[in-house]
Amino acid sequence: MPFSLVDASAPAAQVTAARKPRLRAVLWAVGAAGLIAAITLVVRSGLSDIVKLLDIAGWGLLWLVPLHLVSLACFAVAWQCLLTRSERPSLLYLIWGAIVRESVSGLLPVARVGGEVAGVRLLVRRSVSTATAAASVAVELTLTMTAQ
């Protein structure tokens, strides 16, 4: 008999429900490790050096973050318009999705296509069909490139 981590007699819904608490715990642990790593990098780089650089660049530089969120929200509204009403996630979810897409594209050195794959995956998690999700991401990306 082949080895299996899952009880074959258990329904898939029960197996998925049993994995959720473990997955959530792993995500919290990874998130905490990432936060600790970020704090460690800031401390090791020297918080005073970072503050000095902000003084040189100007504290107005911090206004770029909310301004960038406005542009991402506009892209999310366009993305939402591409989806049918029955499959359309909330605007807040799509804004979060746009932030995740851009973050993944910026962090992963895979020719900046990883973010689009993440965007499709986020839509599929909200019960959007894979074909619709992929098409909406492709059209939204094209519109975004044209707008910029």
Protein backbone atom coordinates (compact mmCIF):
# COMPACT_ATOMS: atom_id res chain seq x y z
CA MET A 1 0.00 0.00 0.00
CA PRO A 2 1.47 3.44 -0.93
CA PHE A 3 2.32 5.89 1.82
CA SER A 4 -0.11 8.82 2.21
CA LEU A 5 -0.20 11.72 4.61
CA VAL A 6 -3.96 12.02 4.14
CA ASP A 7 -6.60 9.54 5.20
CA ALA A 8 -8.12 8.42 1.90
CA SER A 9 -11.44 7.66 3.57
CA ALA A 10 -11.83 11.24 4.85
CA PRO A 11 -13.75 13.70 2.63
CA ALA A 12 -11.66 16.41 0.99
CA ALA A 13 -13.48 19.14 2.92
CA GLN A 14 -12.48 17.58 6.24
CA VAL A 15 -8.85 17.27 5.13
CA THR A 16 -8.81 20.91 3.99
CA ALA A 17 -10.44 22.07 7.24
CA ALA A 18 -7.87 20.11 9.26
CA ARG A 19 -4.98 21.79 7.43
CA LYS A 20 -6.22 25.38 7.87
CA PRO A 21 -5.13 25.86 11.52
CA ARG A 22 -1.66 24.49 10.73
CA LEU A 23 -1.36 26.68 7.64
CA ARG A 24 -2.47 29.74 9.60
CA ALA A 25 0.12 28.99 12.30
CA VAL A 26 2.85 28.60 9.68
CA LEU A 27 1.84 31.89 8.03
CA TRP A 28 1.95 33.71 11.37
CA ALA A 29 5.37 32.21 12.13
CA VAL A 30 6.75 33.18 8.73
CA GLY A 31 5.27 36.67 9.06
CA ALA A 32 6.81 37.08 12.51
CA ALA A 33 10.18 35.86 11.19
CA GLY A 34 9.96 38.38 8.35
CA LEU A 35 9.15 41.21 10.75
CA ILE A 36 12.05 40.21 13.00
CA ALA A 37 14.36 40.09 9.97
CA ALA A 38 13.24 43.56 8.86
CA ILE A 39 13.74 45.04 12.34
CA THR A 40 17.15 43.36 12.56
CA LEU A 41 18.20 44.83 9.21
CA VAL A 42 17.10 48.31 10.26
CA VAL A 43 18.93 48.05 13.59
CA ARG A 44 22.09 46.60 12.01
CA SER A 45 22.08 49.23 9.26
CA GLY A 46 21.75 51.88 11.88
CA LEU A 47 18.48 53.59 12.59
CA SER A 48 20.29 56.90 12.94
CA ASP A 49 21.74 56.50 9.42
CA ILE A 50 18.28 55.87 8.03
CA VAL A 51 16.90 58.94 9.81
CA LYS A 52 19.82 61.02 8.44
CA LEU A 53 19.01 59.85 4.91
CA LEU A 54 15.39 60.81 5.41
CA ASP A 55 16.55 64.24 6.61
CA ILE A 56 18.66 64.64 3.48
CA ALA A 57 15.89 63.47 1.14
CA GLY A 58 13.23 65.28 3.11
CA TRP A 59 10.43 63.86 5.19
CA GLY A 60 8.09 64.73 2.32
CA LEU A 61 9.42 61.58 0.72
CA LEU A 62 7.11 59.62 3.00
CA TRP A 63 4.12 61.15 1.16
CA LEU A 64 5.00 58.92 -1.78
CA VAL A 65 3.55 55.90 0.02
CA PRO A 66 -0.07 57.14 0.27
CA LEU A 67 0.18 58.72 -3.19
CA HIS A 68 1.26 55.39 -4.62
CA LEU A 69 -1.65 53.71 -2.83
CA VAL A 70 -4.01 56.09 -4.67
CA SER A 71 -2.63 54.98 -8.04
CA LEU A 72 -2.88 51.31 -7.00
CA ALA A 73 -6.49 51.92 -5.94
CA CYS A 74 -7.25 53.37 -9.37
CA PHE A 75 -5.72 50.30 -11.01
CA ALA A 76 -7.83 48.10 -8.72
CA VAL A 77 -11.01 49.94 -9.77
CA ALA A 78 -10.10 49.28 -13.41
CA TRP A 79 -9.39 45.65 -12.56
CA GLN A 80 -12.77 45.37 -10.84
CA CYS A 81 -14.53 46.71 -13.95
CA LEU A 82 -13.05 43.86 -15.98
CA LEU A 83 -14.78 41.22 -13.87
CA THR A 84 -18.44 40.23 -14.07
CA ARG A 85 -20.64 41.24 -11.16
CA SER A 86 -21.13 37.64 -10.09
CA GLU A 87 -17.37 37.01 -9.88
CA ARG A 88 -16.26 40.44 -8.69
CA PRO A 89 -14.38 40.55 -5.36
CA SER A 90 -14.59 43.63 -3.17
CA LEU A 91 -12.61 46.71 -4.07
CA LEU A 92 -10.59 46.44 -0.87
CA TYR A 93 -9.57 42.89 -1.80
CA LEU A 94 -8.51 44.03 -5.28
CA ILE A 95 -6.48 46.92 -3.83
CA TRP A 96 -4.75 44.41 -1.57
CA GLY A 97 -4.28 42.17 -4.62
CA ALA A 98 -2.69 45.03 -6.58
CA ILE A 99 -0.30 45.69 -3.69
CA VAL A 100 0.60 41.99 -3.50
CA ARG A 101 1.10 41.79 -7.28
CA GLU A 102 3.43 44.77 -7.31
CA SER A 103 5.33 43.51 -4.28
CA VAL A 104 5.85 40.05 -5.75
CA SER A 105 6.91 41.53 -9.09
CA GLY A 106 9.42 43.77 -7.35
CA LEU A 107 10.85 41.13 -5.05
CA LEU A 108 11.10 38.06 -7.26
CA PRO A 109 13.77 38.10 -9.96
CA VAL A 110 11.63 36.24 -12.50
CA ALA A 111 11.31 38.81 -15.28
CA ARG A 112 8.57 40.60 -13.32
CA VAL A 113 5.89 38.03 -14.16
CA GLY A 114 5.52 36.55 -10.69
CA GLY A 115 3.14 39.30 -9.63
CA GLU A 116 0.72 38.52 -12.42
CA VAL A 117 0.69 34.85 -11.44
CA ALA A 118 0.00 35.92 -7.85
CA GLY A 119 -2.84 38.16 -9.07
CA VAL A 120 -4.46 35.29 -10.93
CA ARG A 121 -4.07 33.06 -7.90
CA LEU A 122 -5.67 35.66 -5.61
CA LEU A 123 -8.69 35.92 -7.91
CA VAL A 124 -9.04 32.16 -8.18
CA ARG A 125 -9.11 32.00 -4.37
CA ARG A 126 -12.19 34.27 -4.55
CA SER A 127 -14.00 31.83 -6.85
CA VAL A 128 -13.18 33.61 -10.11
CA SER A 129 -12.60 31.14 -12.93
CA THR A 130 -8.96 30.71 -13.92
CA ALA A 131 -9.59 31.85 -17.50
CA THR A 132 -11.43 34.99 -16.36
CA ALA A 133 -8.77 35.74 -13.76
CA ALA A 134 -5.91 35.36 -16.24
CA ALA A 135 -7.69 37.44 -18.88
CA SER A 136 -8.52 40.23 -16.40
CA VAL A 137 -4.94 40.37 -15.15
CA ALA A 138 -3.59 40.49 -18.72
CA VAL A 139 -5.99 43.27 -19.75
CA GLU A 140 -5.44 45.22 -16.53
CA LEU A 141 -1.67 44.96 -16.98
CA THR A 142 -1.98 46.22 -20.55
CA LEU A 143 -4.16 49.13 -19.44
CA THR A 144 -1.77 49.94 -16.60
CA MET A 145 1.21 50.00 -18.97
CA THR A 146 -0.71 52.22 -21.38
CA ALA A 147 -1.74 54.60 -18.58
CA GLN A 148 1.82 54.97 -17.34
